[in-house]
Amino acid sequence: MKRYKLKKNFKGIKKGTQFYLIAESEFIGIKEFVLRSEDLSVRLAISDSELRKNFYLLYEKHK
């Protein structure tokens, strides 16, 4: 499970909010990621560029 933290305010969500990566998909070279906030109240579907620009990886659990 990957956990990300918001670098700056984004779509009305405050900087520092933590998110879990729920799903990632790729269709014809376009990646999309689905993130849920730590309290599960917010769901975001964002592109690869939005993820790289607005979030940084906090934690990645390896299997």
N, C-alpha and C. Protein backbone atom coordinates (compact mmCIF):
# COMPACT_ATOMS: atom_id res chain seq x y z
N MET A 1 0.85 -1.17 0.00
CA MET A 1 0.00 0.00 0.00
C MET A 1 0.90 1.23 0.00
N LYS A 2 0.59 2.15 -0.88
CA LYS A 2 1.35 3.41 -0.96
C LYS A 2 0.55 4.52 -0.28
N ARG A 3 1.27 5.39 0.40
CA ARG A 3 0.64 6.53 1.06
C ARG A 3 1.33 7.80 0.59
N TYR A 4 0.52 8.78 0.20
CA TYR A 4 1.03 10.05 -0.33
C TYR A 4 0.59 11.20 0.56
N LYS A 5 1.32 12.30 0.47
CA LYS A 5 0.99 13.51 1.20
C LYS A 5 0.91 14.66 0.21
N LEU A 6 -0.06 15.51 0.39
CA LEU A 6 -0.30 16.65 -0.50
C LEU A 6 0.74 17.74 -0.25
N LYS A 7 1.42 18.17 -1.33
CA LYS A 7 2.47 19.20 -1.24
C LYS A 7 1.90 20.59 -1.01
N LYS A 8 0.78 20.88 -1.68
CA LYS A 8 0.17 22.21 -1.60
C LYS A 8 -1.34 22.05 -1.74
N ASN A 9 -2.09 23.08 -1.44
CA ASN A 9 -3.54 23.01 -1.57
C ASN A 9 -3.90 22.57 -3.00
N PHE A 10 -4.89 21.68 -3.11
CA PHE A 10 -5.24 21.10 -4.39
C PHE A 10 -6.73 20.77 -4.40
N LYS A 11 -7.46 21.36 -5.33
CA LYS A 11 -8.90 21.11 -5.50
C LYS A 11 -9.67 21.25 -4.17
N GLY A 12 -9.34 22.28 -3.41
CA GLY A 12 -10.04 22.55 -2.15
C GLY A 12 -9.60 21.70 -0.98
N ILE A 13 -8.54 20.92 -1.15
CA ILE A 13 -8.03 20.07 -0.08
C ILE A 13 -6.75 20.70 0.45
N LYS A 14 -6.60 20.73 1.76
CA LYS A 14 -5.48 21.43 2.38
C LYS A 14 -4.16 20.68 2.26
N LYS A 15 -3.10 21.46 2.14
CA LYS A 15 -1.73 20.95 2.12
C LYS A 15 -1.50 20.05 3.34
N GLY A 16 -0.78 18.96 3.14
CA GLY A 16 -0.44 18.06 4.25
C GLY A 16 -1.41 16.90 4.44
N THR A 17 -2.55 16.93 3.76
CA THR A 17 -3.51 15.84 3.87
C THR A 17 -2.88 14.56 3.31
N GLN A 18 -3.08 13.46 4.02
CA GLN A 18 -2.50 12.19 3.59
C GLN A 18 -3.55 11.36 2.84
N PHE A 19 -3.07 10.64 1.82
CA PHE A 19 -3.93 9.83 0.98
C PHE A 19 -3.34 8.44 0.79
N TYR A 20 -4.22 7.46 0.62
CA TYR A 20 -3.82 6.11 0.25
C TYR A 20 -4.08 5.93 -1.24
N LEU A 21 -3.15 5.27 -1.92
CA LEU A 21 -3.36 4.93 -3.33
C LEU A 21 -4.23 3.69 -3.36
N ILE A 22 -5.43 3.81 -3.91
CA ILE A 22 -6.39 2.72 -3.96
C ILE A 22 -6.26 1.94 -5.26
N ALA A 23 -6.09 2.64 -6.37
CA ALA A 23 -6.01 1.97 -7.67
C ALA A 23 -5.20 2.80 -8.64
N GLU A 24 -4.55 2.11 -9.55
CA GLU A 24 -3.88 2.79 -10.66
C GLU A 24 -4.17 2.00 -11.92
N SER A 25 -4.42 2.74 -12.99
CA SER A 25 -4.75 2.08 -14.25
C SER A 25 -4.07 2.82 -15.40
N GLU A 26 -3.92 2.11 -16.49
CA GLU A 26 -3.32 2.71 -17.68
C GLU A 26 -4.12 2.25 -18.89
N PHE A 27 -4.52 3.20 -19.71
CA PHE A 27 -5.26 2.92 -20.92
C PHE A 27 -4.66 3.73 -22.05
N ILE A 28 -4.10 3.06 -23.03
CA ILE A 28 -3.45 3.69 -24.18
C ILE A 28 -2.43 4.74 -23.73
N GLY A 29 -1.59 4.36 -22.79
CA GLY A 29 -0.50 5.23 -22.34
C GLY A 29 -0.89 6.32 -21.37
N ILE A 30 -2.15 6.41 -21.00
CA ILE A 30 -2.60 7.43 -20.05
C ILE A 30 -2.83 6.77 -18.70
N LYS A 31 -2.06 7.22 -17.71
CA LYS A 31 -2.18 6.65 -16.36
C LYS A 31 -3.17 7.46 -15.54
N GLU A 32 -3.95 6.76 -14.73
CA GLU A 32 -4.88 7.41 -13.82
C GLU A 32 -4.74 6.75 -12.45
N PHE A 33 -4.80 7.56 -11.42
CA PHE A 33 -4.66 7.08 -10.06
C PHE A 33 -5.89 7.48 -9.26
N VAL A 34 -6.31 6.58 -8.38
CA VAL A 34 -7.43 6.86 -7.47
C VAL A 34 -6.86 6.88 -6.06
N LEU A 35 -7.05 8.00 -5.38
CA LEU A 35 -6.56 8.19 -4.03
C LEU A 35 -7.73 8.41 -3.09
N ARG A 36 -7.59 7.92 -1.85
CA ARG A 36 -8.59 8.17 -0.80
C ARG A 36 -7.88 8.81 0.37
N SER A 37 -8.53 9.79 0.99
CA SER A 37 -7.94 10.44 2.15
C SER A 37 -7.85 9.44 3.30
N GLU A 38 -7.02 9.77 4.26
CA GLU A 38 -6.78 8.87 5.39
C GLU A 38 -8.06 8.51 6.14
N ASP A 39 -8.99 9.47 6.24
CA ASP A 39 -10.27 9.20 6.92
C ASP A 39 -11.34 8.71 5.95
N LEU A 40 -10.97 8.48 4.68
CA LEU A 40 -11.83 7.95 3.62
C LEU A 40 -12.98 8.87 3.21
N SER A 41 -12.91 10.14 3.58
CA SER A 41 -13.98 11.07 3.25
C SER A 41 -13.82 11.70 1.86
N VAL A 42 -12.59 11.68 1.31
CA VAL A 42 -12.32 12.31 0.02
C VAL A 42 -11.78 11.26 -0.95
N ARG A 43 -12.29 11.30 -2.20
CA ARG A 43 -11.81 10.42 -3.26
C ARG A 43 -11.36 11.28 -4.43
N LEU A 44 -10.15 11.04 -4.92
CA LEU A 44 -9.61 11.78 -6.06
C LEU A 44 -9.23 10.81 -7.16
N ALA A 45 -9.59 11.13 -8.38
CA ALA A 45 -9.10 10.42 -9.56
C ALA A 45 -8.25 11.42 -10.32
N ILE A 46 -6.94 11.18 -10.39
CA ILE A 46 -6.02 12.15 -10.97
C ILE A 46 -5.09 11.49 -11.98
N SER A 47 -4.49 12.32 -12.81
CA SER A 47 -3.54 11.85 -13.82
C SER A 47 -2.15 11.69 -13.20
N ASP A 48 -1.26 11.07 -13.96
CA ASP A 48 0.12 10.87 -13.52
C ASP A 48 0.81 12.21 -13.27
N SER A 49 0.60 13.17 -14.15
CA SER A 49 1.26 14.48 -13.98
C SER A 49 0.73 15.21 -12.74
N GLU A 50 -0.56 15.11 -12.47
CA GLU A 50 -1.12 15.73 -11.25
C GLU A 50 -0.56 15.07 -10.00
N LEU A 51 -0.39 13.76 -10.04
CA LEU A 51 0.18 13.05 -8.90
C LEU A 51 1.60 13.52 -8.63
N ARG A 52 2.42 13.57 -9.66
CA ARG A 52 3.82 13.98 -9.49
C ARG A 52 3.95 15.44 -9.07
N LYS A 53 3.06 16.29 -9.57
CA LYS A 53 3.14 17.73 -9.29
C LYS A 53 2.65 18.08 -7.89
N ASN A 54 1.62 17.39 -7.40
CA ASN A 54 0.95 17.81 -6.17
C ASN A 54 1.14 16.89 -4.96
N PHE A 55 1.75 15.73 -5.14
CA PHE A 55 1.89 14.77 -4.04
C PHE A 55 3.31 14.24 -3.96
N TYR A 56 3.68 13.78 -2.75
CA TYR A 56 4.94 13.06 -2.63
C TYR A 56 4.69 11.79 -1.83
N LEU A 57 5.48 10.77 -2.13
CA LEU A 57 5.32 9.46 -1.52
C LEU A 57 5.84 9.48 -0.10
N LEU A 58 4.99 9.06 0.84
CA LEU A 58 5.39 8.96 2.25
C LEU A 58 5.86 7.56 2.60
N TYR A 59 5.14 6.57 2.06
CA TYR A 59 5.36 5.19 2.51
C TYR A 59 4.93 4.23 1.43
N GLU A 60 5.71 3.16 1.27
CA GLU A 60 5.34 2.11 0.33
C GLU A 60 5.61 0.77 0.99
N LYS A 61 4.57 0.01 1.23
CA LYS A 61 4.71 -1.30 1.84
C LYS A 61 4.98 -2.33 0.75
N HIS A 62 6.07 -3.05 0.91
CA HIS A 62 6.43 -4.08 -0.06
C HIS A 62 5.83 -5.41 0.38
N LYS A 63 5.44 -6.20 -0.63
CA LYS A 63 4.86 -7.51 -0.33
C LYS A 63 5.91 -8.52 0.04
